[in-house]
Amino acid sequence: MQRAATHTMQEPQPVVTARPWAMGLALAYVVAVLVLFVLAGRIMGLQCENFGCMGIGVAWMAWTAIYVFVLGWGSLLGRWLPARNTFLRLARVTRLAQLLSGLVLLAMWLLR
């Protein structure tokens, strides 16, 4: 007497590869966030003298505009990269680091 199979064979899922340009954008996103970190540190180190205070404010405004653009860019990467992709994981970790750094800088500014 032969036993009937109790489990069914699932068809293998097709391997979804990432588009090469999307992987390049993911790496460029990581570099852009690192540049934002460096710029934030440089702007925080500026001294406020006479009209220099206004220049620091303009620098922070420009930094914020670039931050929002790069954050949107990082958010769109989820649509361009497959779900199980190393570059997508890297982009998600980088986006989390970007969000946390933005919140820390906002808190520092509010508590000043």
C-alpha atoms as a PDB file:
ATOM      1  CA  MET A   1       0.000   0.000   0.000  1.00  0.00           C
ATOM      2  CA  GLN A   2       1.446   3.333  -1.042  1.00  0.00           C
ATOM      3  CA  ARG A   3       0.935   6.503   1.009  1.00  0.00           C
ATOM      4  CA  ALA A   4      -0.445   9.538  -0.714  1.00  0.00           C
ATOM      5  CA  ALA A   5       1.728  12.618  -0.619  1.00  0.00           C
ATOM      6  CA  THR A   6       0.557  14.939   2.118  1.00  0.00           C
ATOM      7  CA  HIS A   7       2.304  17.985   0.790  1.00  0.00           C
ATOM      8  CA  THR A   8       2.074  19.589  -2.571  1.00  0.00           C
ATOM      9  CA  MET A   9       4.990  20.745  -4.622  1.00  0.00           C
ATOM     10  CA  GLN A  10       5.079  24.471  -5.130  1.00  0.00           C
ATOM     11  CA  GLU A  11       6.233  25.888  -8.385  1.00  0.00           C
ATOM     12  CA  PRO A  12       9.514  27.763  -8.073  1.00  0.00           C
ATOM     13  CA  GLN A  13       9.123  31.505  -8.114  1.00  0.00           C
ATOM     14  CA  PRO A  14      10.794  33.302 -10.984  1.00  0.00           C
ATOM     15  CA  VAL A  15      13.948  35.123 -10.049  1.00  0.00           C
ATOM     16  CA  VAL A  16      13.336  38.833 -10.286  1.00  0.00           C
ATOM     17  CA  THR A  17      16.474  40.752 -11.021  1.00  0.00           C
ATOM     18  CA  ALA A  18      16.873  44.427 -10.363  1.00  0.00           C
ATOM     19  CA  ARG A  19      17.219  46.875 -13.154  1.00  0.00           C
ATOM     20  CA  PRO A  20      20.869  47.976 -13.427  1.00  0.00           C
ATOM     21  CA  TRP A  21      19.929  51.656 -13.374  1.00  0.00           C
ATOM     22  CA  ALA A  22      17.887  51.124 -10.192  1.00  0.00           C
ATOM     23  CA  MET A  23      20.856  49.518  -8.450  1.00  0.00           C
ATOM     24  CA  GLY A  24      22.977  52.486  -9.526  1.00  0.00           C
ATOM     25  CA  LEU A  25      20.372  54.880  -8.138  1.00  0.00           C
ATOM     26  CA  ALA A  26      20.374  52.965  -4.848  1.00  0.00           C
ATOM     27  CA  LEU A  27      24.138  53.332  -4.530  1.00  0.00           C
ATOM     28  CA  ALA A  28      23.928  57.005  -5.508  1.00  0.00           C
ATOM     29  CA  TYR A  29      21.246  57.442  -2.836  1.00  0.00           C
ATOM     30  CA  VAL A  30      23.554  56.037  -0.167  1.00  0.00           C
ATOM     31  CA  VAL A  31      26.316  58.421  -1.294  1.00  0.00           C
ATOM     32  CA  ALA A  32      23.870  61.362  -1.287  1.00  0.00           C
ATOM     33  CA  VAL A  33      22.846  60.624   2.305  1.00  0.00           C
ATOM     34  CA  LEU A  34      26.493  60.402   3.365  1.00  0.00           C
ATOM     35  CA  VAL A  35      27.104  63.781   1.706  1.00  0.00           C
ATOM     36  CA  LEU A  36      24.113  65.187   3.620  1.00  0.00           C
ATOM     37  CA  PHE A  37      25.653  63.940   6.886  1.00  0.00           C
ATOM     38  CA  VAL A  38      28.954  65.638   6.067  1.00  0.00           C
ATOM     39  CA  LEU A  39      27.251  68.885   5.034  1.00  0.00           C
ATOM     40  CA  ALA A  40      25.185  68.961   8.226  1.00  0.00           C
ATOM     41  CA  GLY A  41      28.343  68.608  10.292  1.00  0.00           C
ATOM     42  CA  ARG A  42      30.069  71.373   8.337  1.00  0.00           C
ATOM     43  CA  ILE A  43      27.098  73.744   8.666  1.00  0.00           C
ATOM     44  CA  MET A  44      26.847  73.077  12.412  1.00  0.00           C
ATOM     45  CA  GLY A  45      30.505  74.045  12.761  1.00  0.00           C
ATOM     46  CA  LEU A  46      30.018  77.495  11.182  1.00  0.00           C
ATOM     47  CA  GLN A  47      30.397  80.518  13.423  1.00  0.00           C
ATOM     48  CA  CYS A  48      27.760  83.225  13.535  1.00  0.00           C
ATOM     49  CA  GLU A  49      29.383  86.632  12.928  1.00  0.00           C
ATOM     50  CA  ASN A  50      27.505  89.701  11.687  1.00  0.00           C
ATOM     51  CA  PHE A  51      25.691  88.731   8.503  1.00  0.00           C
ATOM     52  CA  GLY A  52      27.100  85.222   8.742  1.00  0.00           C
ATOM     53  CA  CYS A  53      24.044  84.220  10.760  1.00  0.00           C
ATOM     54  CA  MET A  54      21.867  84.856   7.743  1.00  0.00           C
ATOM     55  CA  GLY A  55      24.217  82.793   5.609  1.00  0.00           C
ATOM     56  CA  ILE A  56      23.971  79.902   8.047  1.00  0.00           C
ATOM     57  CA  GLY A  57      20.173  80.113   7.861  1.00  0.00           C
ATOM     58  CA  VAL A  58      20.292  80.042   4.070  1.00  0.00           C
ATOM     59  CA  ALA A  59      22.672  77.066   4.208  1.00  0.00           C
ATOM     60  CA  TRP A  60      20.257  75.168   6.456  1.00  0.00           C
ATOM     61  CA  MET A  61      17.349  76.003   4.157  1.00  0.00           C
ATOM     62  CA  ALA A  62      19.289  74.673   1.161  1.00  0.00           C
ATOM     63  CA  TRP A  63      20.287  71.593   3.148  1.00  0.00           C
ATOM     64  CA  THR A  64      16.636  70.971   4.065  1.00  0.00           C
ATOM     65  CA  ALA A  65      15.513  71.245   0.442  1.00  0.00           C
ATOM     66  CA  ILE A  66      18.182  68.751  -0.627  1.00  0.00           C
ATOM     67  CA  TYR A  67      17.262  66.500   2.325  1.00  0.00           C
ATOM     68  CA  VAL A  68      13.604  66.366   1.246  1.00  0.00           C
ATOM     69  CA  PHE A  69      14.567  65.661  -2.374  1.00  0.00           C
ATOM     70  CA  VAL A  70      16.940  62.848  -1.362  1.00  0.00           C
ATOM     71  CA  LEU A  71      14.330  61.403   1.029  1.00  0.00           C
ATOM     72  CA  GLY A  72      11.788  61.280  -1.804  1.00  0.00           C
ATOM     73  CA  TRP A  73      14.383  59.643  -4.013  1.00  0.00           C
ATOM     74  CA  GLY A  74      15.016  56.994  -1.376  1.00  0.00           C
ATOM     75  CA  SER A  75      11.291  56.389  -0.983  1.00  0.00           C
ATOM     76  CA  LEU A  76      10.873  55.762  -4.703  1.00  0.00           C
ATOM     77  CA  LEU A  77      13.581  53.112  -4.729  1.00  0.00           C
ATOM     78  CA  GLY A  78      11.103  50.624  -3.254  1.00  0.00           C
ATOM     79  CA  ARG A  79       9.118  50.764  -6.489  1.00  0.00           C
ATOM     80  CA  TRP A  80      12.142  50.216  -8.710  1.00  0.00           C
ATOM     81  CA  LEU A  81      13.909  47.403  -6.870  1.00  0.00           C
ATOM     82  CA  PRO A  82      12.591  43.866  -6.292  1.00  0.00           C
ATOM     83  CA  ALA A  83      11.467  42.939  -2.789  1.00  0.00           C
ATOM     84  CA  ARG A  84      14.340  40.583  -1.976  1.00  0.00           C
ATOM     85  CA  ASN A  85      17.272  42.616  -3.106  1.00  0.00           C
ATOM     86  CA  THR A  86      20.407  43.636  -1.243  1.00  0.00           C
ATOM     87  CA  PHE A  87      20.281  47.116  -2.743  1.00  0.00           C
ATOM     88  CA  LEU A  88      16.713  47.601  -1.499  1.00  0.00           C
ATOM     89  CA  ARG A  89      17.747  46.537   2.009  1.00  0.00           C
ATOM     90  CA  LEU A  90      20.664  48.954   1.860  1.00  0.00           C
ATOM     91  CA  ALA A  91      18.355  51.740   0.693  1.00  0.00           C
ATOM     92  CA  ARG A  92      15.891  51.015   3.516  1.00  0.00           C
ATOM     93  CA  VAL A  93      18.606  51.117   6.173  1.00  0.00           C
ATOM     94  CA  THR A  94      19.961  54.323   4.644  1.00  0.00           C
ATOM     95  CA  ARG A  95      16.483  55.887   4.586  1.00  0.00           C
ATOM     96  CA  LEU A  96      16.027  54.992   8.250  1.00  0.00           C
ATOM     97  CA  ALA A  97      19.386  56.592   9.076  1.00  0.00           C
ATOM     98  CA  GLN A  98      18.395  59.665   7.069  1.00  0.00           C
ATOM     99  CA  LEU A  99      15.062  59.984   8.880  1.00  0.00           C
ATOM    100  CA  LEU A 100      16.687  59.559  12.291  1.00  0.00           C
ATOM    101  CA  SER A 101      19.375  62.117  11.521  1.00  0.00           C
ATOM    102  CA  GLY A 102      16.747  64.582  10.360  1.00  0.00           C
ATOM    103  CA  LEU A 103      14.778  64.091  13.553  1.00  0.00           C
ATOM    104  CA  VAL A 104      17.902  64.534  15.698  1.00  0.00           C
ATOM    105  CA  LEU A 105      18.819  67.753  13.878  1.00  0.00           C
ATOM    106  CA  LEU A 106      15.251  69.043  14.204  1.00  0.00           C
ATOM    107  CA  ALA A 107      15.261  68.270  17.934  1.00  0.00           C
ATOM    108  CA  MET A 108      18.622  70.040  18.335  1.00  0.00           C
ATOM    109  CA  TRP A 109      17.260  73.082  16.555  1.00  0.00           C
ATOM    110  CA  LEU A 110      14.056  73.151  18.603  1.00  0.00           C
ATOM    111  CA  LEU A 111      15.924  72.790  21.907  1.00  0.00           C
ATOM    112  CA  ARG A 112      18.424  75.542  21.152  1.00  0.00           C
END
